[in-house]
Amino acid sequence: MQTSTPVGNILEAISILDFEDQLFVAETLQKRIVELRRNKIALRIQEAEENYRLGKVRSGSVTDLMMDSTDD
């Protein structure tokens, strides 16, 4: 693997580790990714709650919402 990118360098360094250490790195990264996704979802929930509080949310059936979007 001949790359000079930071990611390539990281992957190359990981490939030198023994199997158990590589598993540890993989598990740690997976846990961090899960946490990042949770944080993104939490931020999206906060945005949605704020929009609801400010009255920026429409509700109705799909047909109602489609009709509203074509009226604009």
PDB file of N, CA and C in Angstrom:
ATOM      1  N   MET A   1       0.853  -1.174   0.000  1.00  0.00           N
ATOM      2  CA  MET A   1       0.000   0.000   0.000  1.00  0.00           C
ATOM      3  C   MET A   1       0.898   1.236   0.000  1.00  0.00           C
ATOM      4  N   GLN A   2       1.004   1.905  -1.115  1.00  0.00           N
ATOM      5  CA  GLN A   2       1.867   3.067  -1.265  1.00  0.00           C
ATOM      6  C   GLN A   2       1.029   4.331  -1.433  1.00  0.00           C
ATOM      7  N   THR A   3       0.627   4.935  -0.322  1.00  0.00           N
ATOM      8  CA  THR A   3      -0.097   6.201  -0.385  1.00  0.00           C
ATOM      9  C   THR A   3       0.594   7.188   0.533  1.00  0.00           C
ATOM     10  N   SER A   4       0.423   8.454   0.239  1.00  0.00           N
ATOM     11  CA  SER A   4       1.052   9.475   1.071  1.00  0.00           C
ATOM     12  C   SER A   4       0.014  10.335   1.781  1.00  0.00           C
ATOM     13  N   THR A   5      -1.249   9.929   1.738  1.00  0.00           N
ATOM     14  CA  THR A   5      -2.285  10.689   2.418  1.00  0.00           C
ATOM     15  C   THR A   5      -2.259  10.370   3.905  1.00  0.00           C
ATOM     16  N   PRO A   6      -2.762  11.283   4.737  1.00  0.00           N
ATOM     17  CA  PRO A   6      -2.821  10.992   6.174  1.00  0.00           C
ATOM     18  C   PRO A   6      -3.593   9.699   6.475  1.00  0.00           C
ATOM     19  N   VAL A   7      -4.699   9.480   5.788  1.00  0.00           N
ATOM     20  CA  VAL A   7      -5.475   8.259   6.010  1.00  0.00           C
ATOM     21  C   VAL A   7      -4.661   7.040   5.591  1.00  0.00           C
ATOM     22  N   GLY A   8      -3.995   7.147   4.463  1.00  0.00           N
ATOM     23  CA  GLY A   8      -3.147   6.047   4.011  1.00  0.00           C
ATOM     24  C   GLY A   8      -2.047   5.746   5.011  1.00  0.00           C
ATOM     25  N   ASN A   9      -1.466   6.797   5.574  1.00  0.00           N
ATOM     26  CA  ASN A   9      -0.420   6.611   6.583  1.00  0.00           C
ATOM     27  C   ASN A   9      -0.972   5.918   7.822  1.00  0.00           C
ATOM     28  N   ILE A  10      -2.160   6.314   8.226  1.00  0.00           N
ATOM     29  CA  ILE A  10      -2.793   5.691   9.394  1.00  0.00           C
ATOM     30  C   ILE A  10      -3.071   4.219   9.119  1.00  0.00           C
ATOM     31  N   LEU A  11      -3.638   3.929   7.948  1.00  0.00           N
ATOM     32  CA  LEU A  11      -3.940   2.538   7.605  1.00  0.00           C
ATOM     33  C   LEU A  11      -2.676   1.691   7.537  1.00  0.00           C
ATOM     34  N   GLU A  12      -1.632   2.271   7.010  1.00  0.00           N
ATOM     35  CA  GLU A  12      -0.363   1.544   6.930  1.00  0.00           C
ATOM     36  C   GLU A  12       0.176   1.259   8.329  1.00  0.00           C
ATOM     37  N   ALA A  13       0.086   2.247   9.210  1.00  0.00           N
ATOM     38  CA  ALA A  13       0.552   2.054  10.588  1.00  0.00           C
ATOM     39  C   ALA A  13      -0.267   0.978  11.296  1.00  0.00           C
ATOM     40  N   ILE A  14      -1.575   0.965  11.055  1.00  0.00           N
ATOM     41  CA  ILE A  14      -2.435  -0.043  11.677  1.00  0.00           C
ATOM     42  C   ILE A  14      -2.100  -1.433  11.151  1.00  0.00           C
ATOM     43  N   SER A  15      -1.800  -1.524   9.871  1.00  0.00           N
ATOM     44  CA  SER A  15      -1.515  -2.842   9.284  1.00  0.00           C
ATOM     45  C   SER A  15      -0.264  -3.481   9.876  1.00  0.00           C
ATOM     46  N   ILE A  16       0.595  -2.683  10.458  1.00  0.00           N
ATOM     47  CA  ILE A  16       1.817  -3.204  11.082  1.00  0.00           C
ATOM     48  C   ILE A  16       1.519  -3.818  12.453  1.00  0.00           C
ATOM     49  N   LEU A  17       0.437  -3.393  13.078  1.00  0.00           N
ATOM     50  CA  LEU A  17       0.081  -3.894  14.406  1.00  0.00           C
ATOM     51  C   LEU A  17      -0.283  -5.372  14.355  1.00  0.00           C
ATOM     52  N   ASP A  18      -0.169  -6.026  15.515  1.00  0.00           N
ATOM     53  CA  ASP A  18      -0.609  -7.422  15.553  1.00  0.00           C
ATOM     54  C   ASP A  18      -2.138  -7.474  15.501  1.00  0.00           C
ATOM     55  N   PHE A  19      -2.658  -8.655  15.268  1.00  0.00           N
ATOM     56  CA  PHE A  19      -4.086  -8.847  15.031  1.00  0.00           C
ATOM     57  C   PHE A  19      -4.938  -8.292  16.173  1.00  0.00           C
ATOM     58  N   GLU A  20      -4.571  -8.588  17.412  1.00  0.00           N
ATOM     59  CA  GLU A  20      -5.360  -8.127  18.564  1.00  0.00           C
ATOM     60  C   GLU A  20      -5.409  -6.602  18.628  1.00  0.00           C
ATOM     61  N   ASP A  21      -4.300  -5.952  18.368  1.00  0.00           N
ATOM     62  CA  ASP A  21      -4.277  -4.491  18.378  1.00  0.00           C
ATOM     63  C   ASP A  21      -5.112  -3.917  17.232  1.00  0.00           C
ATOM     64  N   GLN A  22      -5.083  -4.572  16.078  1.00  0.00           N
ATOM     65  CA  GLN A  22      -5.920  -4.125  14.967  1.00  0.00           C
ATOM     66  C   GLN A  22      -7.397  -4.249  15.324  1.00  0.00           C
ATOM     67  N   LEU A  23      -7.763  -5.344  15.991  1.00  0.00           N
ATOM     68  CA  LEU A  23      -9.152  -5.497  16.443  1.00  0.00           C
ATOM     69  C   LEU A  23      -9.531  -4.394  17.419  1.00  0.00           C
ATOM     70  N   PHE A  24      -8.623  -4.073  18.336  1.00  0.00           N
ATOM     71  CA  PHE A  24      -8.877  -3.007  19.302  1.00  0.00           C
ATOM     72  C   PHE A  24      -9.115  -1.677  18.590  1.00  0.00           C
ATOM     73  N   VAL A  25      -8.286  -1.368  17.606  1.00  0.00           N
ATOM     74  CA  VAL A  25      -8.450  -0.130  16.836  1.00  0.00           C
ATOM     75  C   VAL A  25      -9.799  -0.126  16.121  1.00  0.00           C
ATOM     76  N   ALA A  26     -10.148  -1.241  15.492  1.00  0.00           N
ATOM     77  CA  ALA A  26     -11.414  -1.332  14.761  1.00  0.00           C
ATOM     78  C   ALA A  26     -12.606  -1.153  15.696  1.00  0.00           C
ATOM     79  N   GLU A  27     -12.578  -1.811  16.849  1.00  0.00           N
ATOM     80  CA  GLU A  27     -13.676  -1.695  17.810  1.00  0.00           C
ATOM     81  C   GLU A  27     -13.781  -0.275  18.357  1.00  0.00           C
ATOM     82  N   THR A  28     -12.639   0.332  18.638  1.00  0.00           N
ATOM     83  CA  THR A  28     -12.635   1.702  19.153  1.00  0.00           C
ATOM     84  C   THR A  28     -13.211   2.668  18.125  1.00  0.00           C
ATOM     85  N   LEU A  29     -12.802   2.525  16.873  1.00  0.00           N
ATOM     86  CA  LEU A  29     -13.335   3.388  15.815  1.00  0.00           C
ATOM     87  C   LEU A  29     -14.833   3.183  15.637  1.00  0.00           C
ATOM     88  N   GLN A  30     -15.276   1.934  15.698  1.00  0.00           N
ATOM     89  CA  GLN A  30     -16.706   1.652  15.548  1.00  0.00           C
ATOM     90  C   GLN A  30     -17.504   2.323  16.661  1.00  0.00           C
ATOM     91  N   LYS A  31     -17.013   2.258  17.889  1.00  0.00           N
ATOM     92  CA  LYS A  31     -17.700   2.906  19.010  1.00  0.00           C
ATOM     93  C   LYS A  31     -17.737   4.419  18.822  1.00  0.00           C
ATOM     94  N   ARG A  32     -16.657   4.991  18.335  1.00  0.00           N
ATOM     95  CA  ARG A  32     -16.623   6.440  18.097  1.00  0.00           C
ATOM     96  C   ARG A  32     -17.603   6.840  17.001  1.00  0.00           C
ATOM     97  N   ILE A  33     -17.707   6.028  15.965  1.00  0.00           N
ATOM     98  CA  ILE A  33     -18.648   6.313  14.880  1.00  0.00           C
ATOM     99  C   ILE A  33     -20.078   6.270  15.395  1.00  0.00           C
ATOM    100  N   VAL A  34     -20.386   5.275  16.222  1.00  0.00           N
ATOM    101  CA  VAL A  34     -21.726   5.177  16.810  1.00  0.00           C
ATOM    102  C   VAL A  34     -22.018   6.431  17.632  1.00  0.00           C
ATOM    103  N   GLU A  35     -21.055   6.867  18.419  1.00  0.00           N
ATOM    104  CA  GLU A  35     -21.245   8.061  19.249  1.00  0.00           C
ATOM    105  C   GLU A  35     -21.436   9.312  18.383  1.00  0.00           C
ATOM    106  N   LEU A  36     -20.663   9.437  17.311  1.00  0.00           N
ATOM    107  CA  LEU A  36     -20.827  10.575  16.402  1.00  0.00           C
ATOM    108  C   LEU A  36     -22.223  10.585  15.782  1.00  0.00           C
ATOM    109  N   ARG A  37     -22.712   9.411  15.392  1.00  0.00           N
ATOM    110  CA  ARG A  37     -24.064   9.327  14.821  1.00  0.00           C
ATOM    111  C   ARG A  37     -25.110   9.718  15.855  1.00  0.00           C
ATOM    112  N   ARG A  38     -24.934   9.257  17.091  1.00  0.00           N
ATOM    113  CA  ARG A  38     -25.866   9.641  18.161  1.00  0.00           C
ATOM    114  C   ARG A  38     -25.884  11.152  18.338  1.00  0.00           C
ATOM    115  N   ASN A  39     -24.711  11.753  18.324  1.00  0.00           N
ATOM    116  CA  ASN A  39     -24.633  13.207  18.487  1.00  0.00           C
ATOM    117  C   ASN A  39     -25.327  13.934  17.341  1.00  0.00           C
ATOM    118  N   LYS A  40     -25.150  13.443  16.107  1.00  0.00           N
ATOM    119  CA  LYS A  40     -25.827  14.058  14.958  1.00  0.00           C
ATOM    120  C   LYS A  40     -27.340  13.947  15.101  1.00  0.00           C
ATOM    121  N   ILE A  41     -27.811  12.783  15.540  1.00  0.00           N
ATOM    122  CA  ILE A  41     -29.247  12.589  15.730  1.00  0.00           C
ATOM    123  C   ILE A  41     -29.759  13.514  16.830  1.00  0.00           C
ATOM    124  N   ALA A  42     -29.009  13.638  17.918  1.00  0.00           N
ATOM    125  CA  ALA A  42     -29.422  14.516  19.015  1.00  0.00           C
ATOM    126  C   ALA A  42     -29.516  15.966  18.550  1.00  0.00           C
ATOM    127  N   LEU A  43     -28.558  16.407  17.740  1.00  0.00           N
ATOM    128  CA  LEU A  43     -28.617  17.772  17.209  1.00  0.00           C
ATOM    129  C   LEU A  43     -29.827  17.962  16.304  1.00  0.00           C
ATOM    130  N   ARG A  44     -30.111  16.965  15.492  1.00  0.00           N
ATOM    131  CA  ARG A  44     -31.273  17.038  14.598  1.00  0.00           C
ATOM    132  C   ARG A  44     -32.570  17.092  15.400  1.00  0.00           C
ATOM    133  N   ILE A  45     -32.627  16.347  16.496  1.00  0.00           N
ATOM    134  CA  ILE A  45     -33.801  16.387  17.369  1.00  0.00           C
ATOM    135  C   ILE A  45     -33.964  17.778  17.966  1.00  0.00           C
ATOM    136  N   GLN A  46     -32.873  18.376  18.409  1.00  0.00           N
ATOM    137  CA  GLN A  46     -32.942  19.734  18.963  1.00  0.00           C
ATOM    138  C   GLN A  46     -33.451  20.720  17.921  1.00  0.00           C
ATOM    139  N   GLU A  47     -32.966  20.601  16.688  1.00  0.00           N
ATOM    140  CA  GLU A  47     -33.442  21.474  15.606  1.00  0.00           C
ATOM    141  C   GLU A  47     -34.932  21.282  15.379  1.00  0.00           C
ATOM    142  N   ALA A  48     -35.362  20.034  15.342  1.00  0.00           N
ATOM    143  CA  ALA A  48     -36.776  19.743  15.098  1.00  0.00           C
ATOM    144  C   ALA A  48     -37.642  20.275  16.227  1.00  0.00           C
ATOM    145  N   GLU A  49     -37.198  20.105  17.465  1.00  0.00           N
ATOM    146  CA  GLU A  49     -37.959  20.624  18.604  1.00  0.00           C
ATOM    147  C   GLU A  49     -38.037  22.146  18.560  1.00  0.00           C
ATOM    148  N   GLU A  50     -36.944  22.786  18.189  1.00  0.00           N
ATOM    149  CA  GLU A  50     -36.933  24.250  18.082  1.00  0.00           C
ATOM    150  C   GLU A  50     -37.877  24.707  16.976  1.00  0.00           C
ATOM    151  N   ASN A  51     -37.836  24.051  15.837  1.00  0.00           N
ATOM    152  CA  ASN A  51     -38.755  24.390  14.748  1.00  0.00           C
ATOM    153  C   ASN A  51     -40.203  24.194  15.171  1.00  0.00           C
ATOM    154  N   TYR A  52     -40.480  23.132  15.914  1.00  0.00           N
ATOM    155  CA  TYR A  52     -41.836  22.883  16.398  1.00  0.00           C
ATOM    156  C   TYR A  52     -42.256  23.990  17.363  1.00  0.00           C
ATOM    157  N   ARG A  53     -41.351  24.355  18.281  1.00  0.00           N
ATOM    158  CA  ARG A  53     -41.638  25.404  19.263  1.00  0.00           C
ATOM    159  C   ARG A  53     -41.921  26.739  18.576  1.00  0.00           C
ATOM    160  N   LEU A  54     -41.215  27.017  17.484  1.00  0.00           N
ATOM    161  CA  LEU A  54     -41.387  28.276  16.762  1.00  0.00           C
ATOM    162  C   LEU A  54     -42.535  28.230  15.760  1.00  0.00           C
ATOM    163  N   GLY A  55     -43.196  27.097  15.655  1.00  0.00           N
ATOM    164  CA  GLY A  55     -44.326  26.976  14.736  1.00  0.00           C
ATOM    165  C   GLY A  55     -43.921  26.837  13.282  1.00  0.00           C
ATOM    166  N   LYS A  56     -42.723  26.370  13.033  1.00  0.00           N
ATOM    167  CA  LYS A  56     -42.238  26.216  11.656  1.00  0.00           C
ATOM    168  C   LYS A  56     -42.511  24.822  11.099  1.00  0.00           C
ATOM    169  N   VAL A  57     -43.381  24.075  11.763  1.00  0.00           N
ATOM    170  CA  VAL A  57     -43.639  22.695  11.370  1.00  0.00           C
ATOM    171  C   VAL A  57     -45.050  22.582  10.821  1.00  0.00           C
ATOM    172  N   ARG A  58     -45.181  21.901   9.711  1.00  0.00           N
ATOM    173  CA  ARG A  58     -46.502  21.629   9.145  1.00  0.00           C
ATOM    174  C   ARG A  58     -46.837  20.172   9.411  1.00  0.00           C
ATOM    175  N   SER A  59     -48.119  19.912   9.569  1.00  0.00           N
ATOM    176  CA  SER A  59     -48.528  18.520   9.725  1.00  0.00           C
ATOM    177  C   SER A  59     -49.701  18.245   8.800  1.00  0.00           C
ATOM    178  N   GLY A  60     -49.922  16.999   8.524  1.00  0.00           N
ATOM    179  CA  GLY A  60     -51.007  16.597   7.653  1.00  0.00           C
ATOM    180  C   GLY A  60     -50.643  15.332   6.921  1.00  0.00           C
ATOM    181  N   SER A  61     -51.526  14.914   6.058  1.00  0.00           N
ATOM    182  CA  SER A  61     -51.260  13.712   5.269  1.00  0.00           C
ATOM    183  C   SER A  61     -50.245  14.045   4.179  1.00  0.00           C
ATOM    184  N   VAL A  62     -49.747  13.027   3.544  1.00  0.00           N
ATOM    185  CA  VAL A  62     -48.816  13.229   2.435  1.00  0.00           C
ATOM    186  C   VAL A  62     -49.487  14.068   1.353  1.00  0.00           C
ATOM    187  N   THR A  63     -50.740  13.782   1.082  1.00  0.00           N
ATOM    188  CA  THR A  63     -51.481  14.534   0.060  1.00  0.00           C
ATOM    189  C   THR A  63     -51.571  16.006   0.445  1.00  0.00           C
ATOM    190  N   ASP A  64     -51.896  16.289   1.716  1.00  0.00           N
ATOM    191  CA  ASP A  64     -51.976  17.677   2.186  1.00  0.00           C
ATOM    192  C   ASP A  64     -50.642  18.395   2.004  1.00  0.00           C
ATOM    193  N   LEU A  65     -49.569  17.738   2.396  1.00  0.00           N
ATOM    194  CA  LEU A  65     -48.248  18.361   2.289  1.00  0.00           C
ATOM    195  C   LEU A  65     -47.843  18.572   0.837  1.00  0.00           C
ATOM    196  N   MET A  66     -48.185  17.632  -0.029  1.00  0.00           N
ATOM    197  CA  MET A  66     -47.890  17.786  -1.458  1.00  0.00           C
ATOM    198  C   MET A  66     -48.684  18.952  -2.037  1.00  0.00           C
ATOM    199  N   MET A  67     -49.942  19.087  -1.635  1.00  0.00           N
ATOM    200  CA  MET A  67     -50.778  20.194  -2.117  1.00  0.00           C
ATOM    201  C   MET A  67     -50.192  21.527  -1.646  1.00  0.00           C
ATOM    202  N   ASP A  68     -49.747  21.588  -0.383  1.00  0.00           N
ATOM    203  CA  ASP A  68     -49.135  22.808   0.139  1.00  0.00           C
ATOM    204  C   ASP A  68     -47.875  23.167  -0.634  1.00  0.00           C
ATOM    205  N   SER A  69     -47.078  22.179  -0.995  1.00  0.00           N
ATOM    206  CA  SER A  69     -45.825  22.465  -1.689  1.00  0.00           C
ATOM    207  C   SER A  69     -46.068  22.931  -3.124  1.00  0.00           C
ATOM    208  N   THR A  70     -47.163  22.514  -3.746  1.00  0.00           N
ATOM    209  CA  THR A  70     -47.450  22.961  -5.112  1.00  0.00           C
ATOM    210  C   THR A  70     -48.132  24.319  -5.128  1.00  0.00           C
ATOM    211  N   ASP A  71     -48.676  24.748  -3.982  1.00  0.00           N
ATOM    212  CA  ASP A  71     -49.324  26.054  -3.896  1.00  0.00           C
ATOM    213  C   ASP A  71     -48.313  27.193  -3.821  1.00  0.00           C
ATOM    214  N   ASP A  72     -47.065  26.902  -3.475  1.00  0.00           N
ATOM    215  CA  ASP A  72     -46.039  27.954  -3.309  1.00  0.00           C
ATOM    216  C   ASP A  72     -45.592  28.528  -4.596  1.00  0.00           C
TER     217      ASP A  72
END
